[in-house]
N, C-alpha and C. Protein backbone atom coordinates (compact mmCIF):
# COMPACT_ATOMS: atom_id res chain seq x y z
N MET A 1 0.84 -1.16 0.00
CA MET A 1 0.00 0.00 0.00
C MET A 1 0.89 1.24 0.00
N GLY A 2 0.52 2.18 -0.82
CA GLY A 2 1.34 3.38 -0.93
C GLY A 2 0.99 4.39 0.14
N ILE A 3 1.83 5.38 0.24
CA ILE A 3 1.64 6.43 1.24
C ILE A 3 0.37 7.23 0.97
N LYS A 4 0.01 7.40 -0.32
CA LYS A 4 -1.20 8.14 -0.67
C LYS A 4 -2.44 7.38 -0.21
N ALA A 5 -2.42 6.07 -0.31
CA ALA A 5 -3.55 5.26 0.12
C ALA A 5 -3.73 5.34 1.63
N ILE A 6 -2.63 5.30 2.37
CA ILE A 6 -2.69 5.37 3.83
C ILE A 6 -3.20 6.74 4.27
N VAL A 7 -2.70 7.79 3.65
CA VAL A 7 -3.15 9.14 3.98
C VAL A 7 -4.63 9.29 3.64
N SER A 8 -5.06 8.74 2.53
CA SER A 8 -6.47 8.82 2.14
C SER A 8 -7.36 8.10 3.14
N ILE A 9 -6.94 6.93 3.59
CA ILE A 9 -7.72 6.16 4.57
C ILE A 9 -7.78 6.91 5.89
N LEU A 10 -6.64 7.45 6.35
CA LEU A 10 -6.62 8.20 7.61
C LEU A 10 -7.49 9.46 7.51
N LEU A 11 -7.44 10.12 6.38
CA LEU A 11 -8.27 11.30 6.18
C LEU A 11 -9.76 10.93 6.20
N MET A 12 -10.13 9.85 5.57
CA MET A 12 -11.53 9.39 5.53
C MET A 12 -12.00 9.01 6.93
N VAL A 13 -11.18 8.30 7.69
CA VAL A 13 -11.55 7.91 9.06
C VAL A 13 -11.70 9.13 9.94
N SER A 14 -10.80 10.09 9.83
CA SER A 14 -10.89 11.28 10.68
C SER A 14 -12.11 12.13 10.31
N LEU A 15 -12.45 12.21 9.03
CA LEU A 15 -13.65 12.95 8.63
C LEU A 15 -14.92 12.28 9.15
N CYS A 16 -14.97 10.97 9.07
CA CYS A 16 -16.13 10.24 9.60
C CYS A 16 -16.23 10.42 11.11
N ALA A 17 -15.12 10.33 11.80
CA ALA A 17 -15.13 10.50 13.26
C ALA A 17 -15.58 11.90 13.63
N ALA A 18 -15.07 12.90 12.92
CA ALA A 18 -15.46 14.28 13.21
C ALA A 18 -16.95 14.49 12.97
N THR A 19 -17.48 13.90 11.91
CA THR A 19 -18.90 14.03 11.61
C THR A 19 -19.76 13.40 12.70
N PHE A 20 -19.42 12.21 13.13
CA PHE A 20 -20.20 11.53 14.16
C PHE A 20 -20.09 12.21 15.50
N VAL A 21 -18.92 12.73 15.85
CA VAL A 21 -18.75 13.42 17.13
C VAL A 21 -19.57 14.70 17.14
N THR A 22 -19.52 15.48 16.07
CA THR A 22 -20.28 16.72 16.06
C THR A 22 -21.78 16.46 16.08
N GLN A 23 -22.24 15.38 15.46
CA GLN A 23 -23.67 15.05 15.53
C GLN A 23 -24.05 14.68 16.96
N GLY A 24 -23.21 13.93 17.64
CA GLY A 24 -23.51 13.55 19.02
C GLY A 24 -23.51 14.74 19.95
N VAL A 25 -22.57 15.65 19.76
CA VAL A 25 -22.52 16.85 20.59
C VAL A 25 -23.73 17.74 20.30
N ALA A 26 -24.13 17.84 19.06
CA ALA A 26 -25.28 18.66 18.69
C ALA A 26 -26.56 18.14 19.33
N GLN A 27 -26.69 16.84 19.46
CA GLN A 27 -27.88 16.27 20.08
C GLN A 27 -27.91 16.53 21.58
N MET A 28 -26.75 16.67 22.19
CA MET A 28 -26.68 16.90 23.63
C MET A 28 -26.97 18.36 23.98
N GLN A 29 -26.70 19.30 23.08
CA GLN A 29 -26.89 20.71 23.35
C GLN A 29 -28.30 21.13 22.98
N THR A 30 -28.79 22.18 23.65
CA THR A 30 -30.09 22.73 23.29
C THR A 30 -29.89 23.64 22.09
N PRO A 31 -30.83 23.66 21.17
CA PRO A 31 -30.68 24.51 19.99
C PRO A 31 -30.72 25.99 20.39
N PRO A 32 -29.99 26.83 19.68
CA PRO A 32 -30.03 28.26 20.01
C PRO A 32 -31.40 28.83 19.71
N MET A 33 -31.85 29.73 20.56
CA MET A 33 -33.15 30.35 20.40
C MET A 33 -32.98 31.82 20.05
N ILE A 34 -33.89 32.34 19.27
CA ILE A 34 -33.91 33.76 18.98
C ILE A 34 -34.59 34.43 20.17
N PRO A 35 -33.92 35.38 20.81
CA PRO A 35 -34.51 36.00 22.00
C PRO A 35 -35.86 36.65 21.69
N GLY A 36 -36.82 36.39 22.55
CA GLY A 36 -38.14 36.98 22.42
C GLY A 36 -39.12 36.15 21.63
N LEU A 37 -38.64 35.17 20.85
CA LEU A 37 -39.58 34.38 20.08
C LEU A 37 -40.14 33.23 20.90
N PHE A 38 -39.30 32.32 21.29
CA PHE A 38 -39.75 31.18 22.06
C PHE A 38 -38.75 30.91 23.18
N PRO A 39 -38.73 31.75 24.19
CA PRO A 39 -37.78 31.54 25.28
C PRO A 39 -38.09 30.27 26.05
N ILE A 40 -37.03 29.70 26.61
CA ILE A 40 -37.17 28.47 27.39
C ILE A 40 -37.98 28.77 28.64
N GLY A 41 -38.86 27.84 29.01
CA GLY A 41 -39.67 28.01 30.22
C GLY A 41 -40.81 28.98 30.03
N LEU A 42 -41.52 28.84 28.94
CA LEU A 42 -42.62 29.74 28.67
C LEU A 42 -43.68 29.65 29.77
N PRO A 43 -44.12 30.79 30.27
CA PRO A 43 -45.20 30.74 31.26
C PRO A 43 -46.55 30.49 30.59
N ILE A 44 -46.64 30.71 29.29
CA ILE A 44 -47.89 30.52 28.54
C ILE A 44 -47.77 29.24 27.73
N ASP A 45 -48.78 28.42 27.78
CA ASP A 45 -48.81 27.18 27.01
C ASP A 45 -49.34 27.49 25.62
N LEU A 46 -48.45 27.45 24.62
CA LEU A 46 -48.85 27.80 23.26
C LEU A 46 -49.89 26.85 22.69
N VAL A 47 -49.83 25.59 23.07
CA VAL A 47 -50.82 24.63 22.58
C VAL A 47 -52.20 25.03 23.07
N LYS A 48 -52.29 25.44 24.32
CA LYS A 48 -53.57 25.86 24.87
C LYS A 48 -54.06 27.13 24.18
N CYS A 49 -53.14 28.05 23.89
CA CYS A 49 -53.52 29.29 23.22
C CYS A 49 -54.07 29.01 21.82
N TRP A 50 -53.37 28.19 21.07
CA TRP A 50 -53.79 27.91 19.69
C TRP A 50 -54.99 26.97 19.62
N SER A 51 -55.16 26.11 20.61
CA SER A 51 -56.22 25.10 20.53
C SER A 51 -57.61 25.72 20.45
N SER A 52 -57.82 26.84 21.13
CA SER A 52 -59.15 27.45 21.07
C SER A 52 -59.45 27.97 19.67
N LEU A 53 -58.41 28.38 18.94
CA LEU A 53 -58.63 28.82 17.56
C LEU A 53 -58.80 27.64 16.61
N PHE A 54 -58.06 26.56 16.87
CA PHE A 54 -58.20 25.37 16.02
C PHE A 54 -59.54 24.68 16.23
N ASN A 55 -60.18 24.89 17.38
CA ASN A 55 -61.48 24.28 17.64
C ASN A 55 -62.59 24.89 16.78
N VAL A 56 -62.39 26.10 16.29
CA VAL A 56 -63.37 26.75 15.42
C VAL A 56 -62.94 26.49 13.98
N GLU A 57 -63.79 25.85 13.22
CA GLU A 57 -63.44 25.44 11.86
C GLU A 57 -63.09 26.65 10.99
N GLY A 58 -61.91 26.61 10.40
CA GLY A 58 -61.45 27.65 9.49
C GLY A 58 -60.93 28.91 10.14
N CYS A 59 -60.91 28.95 11.44
CA CYS A 59 -60.50 30.16 12.15
C CYS A 59 -59.03 30.49 11.91
N VAL A 60 -58.16 29.52 12.02
CA VAL A 60 -56.73 29.77 11.84
C VAL A 60 -56.46 30.23 10.41
N LEU A 61 -57.17 29.66 9.45
CA LEU A 61 -57.01 30.08 8.06
C LEU A 61 -57.49 31.52 7.87
N GLU A 62 -58.61 31.87 8.48
CA GLU A 62 -59.12 33.24 8.39
C GLU A 62 -58.13 34.23 8.99
N ILE A 63 -57.57 33.88 10.14
CA ILE A 63 -56.61 34.77 10.79
C ILE A 63 -55.34 34.87 9.96
N SER A 64 -54.89 33.76 9.39
CA SER A 64 -53.70 33.78 8.55
C SER A 64 -53.91 34.68 7.33
N LYS A 65 -55.07 34.57 6.71
CA LYS A 65 -55.36 35.42 5.55
C LYS A 65 -55.38 36.89 5.95
N SER A 66 -55.94 37.20 7.10
CA SER A 66 -56.00 38.59 7.52
C SER A 66 -54.62 39.13 7.89
N ILE A 67 -53.72 38.26 8.38
CA ILE A 67 -52.35 38.69 8.68
C ILE A 67 -51.67 39.13 7.39
N PHE A 68 -51.78 38.31 6.35
CA PHE A 68 -51.06 38.58 5.11
C PHE A 68 -51.72 39.65 4.25
N SER A 69 -53.04 39.79 4.34
CA SER A 69 -53.72 40.76 3.49
C SER A 69 -53.97 42.09 4.20
N GLY A 70 -54.03 42.06 5.53
CA GLY A 70 -54.35 43.27 6.28
C GLY A 70 -55.84 43.59 6.29
N LYS A 71 -56.64 42.66 5.76
CA LYS A 71 -58.09 42.85 5.71
C LYS A 71 -58.75 41.91 6.71
N PHE A 72 -59.64 42.44 7.51
CA PHE A 72 -60.24 41.67 8.58
C PHE A 72 -61.70 41.31 8.33
N GLU A 73 -62.24 41.71 7.19
CA GLU A 73 -63.67 41.49 6.96
C GLU A 73 -64.03 40.02 6.75
N ASN A 74 -63.05 39.16 6.47
CA ASN A 74 -63.36 37.74 6.26
C ASN A 74 -63.38 36.94 7.56
N VAL A 75 -63.04 37.56 8.66
CA VAL A 75 -63.04 36.86 9.95
C VAL A 75 -64.48 36.80 10.44
N GLU A 76 -64.95 35.59 10.67
CA GLU A 76 -66.35 35.39 11.06
C GLU A 76 -66.54 35.55 12.56
N ALA A 77 -67.80 35.63 12.96
CA ALA A 77 -68.14 35.89 14.36
C ALA A 77 -67.63 34.79 15.29
N ALA A 78 -67.75 33.52 14.88
CA ALA A 78 -67.29 32.43 15.75
C ALA A 78 -65.78 32.52 15.98
N CYS A 79 -65.05 32.89 14.95
CA CYS A 79 -63.60 33.04 15.08
C CYS A 79 -63.29 34.24 15.97
N CYS A 80 -64.04 35.32 15.81
CA CYS A 80 -63.84 36.49 16.66
C CYS A 80 -64.11 36.17 18.13
N LYS A 81 -65.13 35.38 18.38
CA LYS A 81 -65.41 35.00 19.77
C LYS A 81 -64.26 34.20 20.35
N ALA A 82 -63.73 33.27 19.57
CA ALA A 82 -62.59 32.46 20.04
C ALA A 82 -61.36 33.33 20.26
N PHE A 83 -61.10 34.25 19.34
CA PHE A 83 -59.93 35.12 19.47
C PHE A 83 -60.09 36.07 20.65
N SER A 84 -61.30 36.57 20.85
CA SER A 84 -61.55 37.50 21.96
C SER A 84 -61.44 36.81 23.31
N ALA A 85 -61.69 35.51 23.33
CA ALA A 85 -61.61 34.77 24.59
C ALA A 85 -60.16 34.42 24.97
N LEU A 86 -59.23 34.62 24.04
CA LEU A 86 -57.82 34.32 24.35
C LEU A 86 -57.29 35.25 25.43
N ASP A 87 -56.40 34.71 26.23
CA ASP A 87 -55.70 35.52 27.21
C ASP A 87 -54.75 36.46 26.47
N ALA A 88 -54.72 37.72 26.85
CA ALA A 88 -53.85 38.69 26.17
C ALA A 88 -52.39 38.32 26.30
N ASN A 89 -52.03 37.51 27.28
CA ASN A 89 -50.64 37.07 27.43
C ASN A 89 -50.24 36.07 26.35
N CYS A 90 -51.22 35.47 25.69
CA CYS A 90 -50.92 34.54 24.60
C CYS A 90 -50.46 35.27 23.35
N TRP A 91 -50.94 36.48 23.15
CA TRP A 91 -50.71 37.18 21.90
C TRP A 91 -49.23 37.37 21.54
N PRO A 92 -48.37 37.83 22.45
CA PRO A 92 -46.96 38.00 22.07
C PRO A 92 -46.29 36.69 21.69
N GLN A 93 -46.74 35.59 22.26
CA GLN A 93 -46.15 34.29 21.94
C GLN A 93 -46.70 33.73 20.63
N MET A 94 -47.95 34.03 20.33
CA MET A 94 -48.58 33.52 19.12
C MET A 94 -48.18 34.33 17.88
N PHE A 95 -47.99 35.62 18.07
CA PHE A 95 -47.67 36.52 16.96
C PHE A 95 -46.41 37.32 17.29
N PRO A 96 -45.26 36.66 17.44
CA PRO A 96 -44.06 37.36 17.89
C PRO A 96 -43.50 38.33 16.85
N LEU A 97 -43.76 38.10 15.58
CA LEU A 97 -43.18 38.96 14.55
C LEU A 97 -44.07 40.14 14.18
N ASN A 98 -45.30 40.15 14.65
CA ASN A 98 -46.21 41.24 14.35
C ASN A 98 -47.01 41.59 15.61
N PRO A 99 -46.42 42.38 16.50
CA PRO A 99 -47.11 42.70 17.76
C PRO A 99 -48.33 43.59 17.59
N PHE A 100 -48.49 44.23 16.42
CA PHE A 100 -49.63 45.12 16.21
C PHE A 100 -50.85 44.39 15.68
N PHE A 101 -50.67 43.15 15.23
CA PHE A 101 -51.79 42.42 14.64
C PHE A 101 -52.88 42.07 15.65
N PRO A 102 -52.57 41.50 16.82
CA PRO A 102 -53.66 41.12 17.75
C PRO A 102 -54.57 42.29 18.14
N PRO A 103 -54.04 43.48 18.48
CA PRO A 103 -54.98 44.57 18.80
C PRO A 103 -55.84 45.00 17.61
N LEU A 104 -55.27 44.96 16.39
CA LEU A 104 -56.07 45.31 15.22
C LEU A 104 -57.22 44.33 15.01
N LEU A 105 -56.90 43.04 15.12
CA LEU A 105 -57.95 42.03 14.97
C LEU A 105 -58.95 42.13 16.11
N LYS A 106 -58.47 42.40 17.30
CA LYS A 106 -59.36 42.54 18.46
C LYS A 106 -60.35 43.69 18.25
N ASN A 107 -59.86 44.83 17.76
CA ASN A 107 -60.74 45.97 17.51
C ASN A 107 -61.76 45.66 16.43
N ASN A 108 -61.36 44.92 15.41
CA ASN A 108 -62.30 44.51 14.37
C ASN A 108 -63.34 43.55 14.94
N CYS A 109 -62.92 42.66 15.81
CA CYS A 109 -63.86 41.69 16.40
C CYS A 109 -64.86 42.37 17.32
N VAL A 110 -64.49 43.48 17.93
CA VAL A 110 -65.45 44.20 18.77
C VAL A 110 -66.60 44.71 17.92
N ARG A 111 -66.30 45.08 16.67
CA ARG A 111 -67.38 45.52 15.77
C ARG A 111 -68.25 44.35 15.32
N ILE A 112 -67.64 43.17 15.13
CA ILE A 112 -68.40 42.01 14.66
C ILE A 112 -69.19 41.39 15.81
N VAL A 113 -68.54 41.22 16.96
CA VAL A 113 -69.18 40.65 18.15
C VAL A 113 -69.17 41.73 19.22
N PRO A 114 -70.24 42.51 19.35
CA PRO A 114 -70.24 43.69 20.24
C PRO A 114 -69.99 43.38 21.71
N ASN A 115 -70.34 42.21 22.18
CA ASN A 115 -70.19 41.90 23.61
C ASN A 115 -68.91 41.17 23.94
N SER A 116 -67.92 41.20 23.05
CA SER A 116 -66.68 40.49 23.33
C SER A 116 -65.88 41.22 24.41
N PRO A 117 -65.18 40.47 25.27
CA PRO A 117 -64.41 41.11 26.34
C PRO A 117 -63.23 41.89 25.76
N THR A 118 -62.85 42.96 26.44
CA THR A 118 -61.72 43.74 25.99
C THR A 118 -60.51 43.44 26.84
N HIS A 119 -59.36 43.30 26.19
CA HIS A 119 -58.09 43.09 26.87
C HIS A 119 -57.22 44.30 26.62
N ASN A 120 -56.50 44.75 27.62
CA ASN A 120 -55.58 45.87 27.44
C ASN A 120 -54.20 45.37 27.18
């Protein structure tokens, strides 16, 4: 066996070892988080926050459309009731990239469902 073959084998073994070690270390570490989006130890249960919207048929789709279009007229009364019943502490966790959206939708829902509770 020539010196090139031995060097090639050693290089291949070291690359494989480095790949497996870094994968093992990556599994042991927690993934980096973007501050403010999903901090560790959330006091608000996101599943609970979203579940009330998923329980109303088409509500999440209506809200998604209104986020992207900026138009709230397609949000129906049942969806507004579910959104209005959400705890205001859920909003920053549910809509971290658009903090102005929940109050806009909330104000629109007050017009659709006049007796909906108000959150500050």
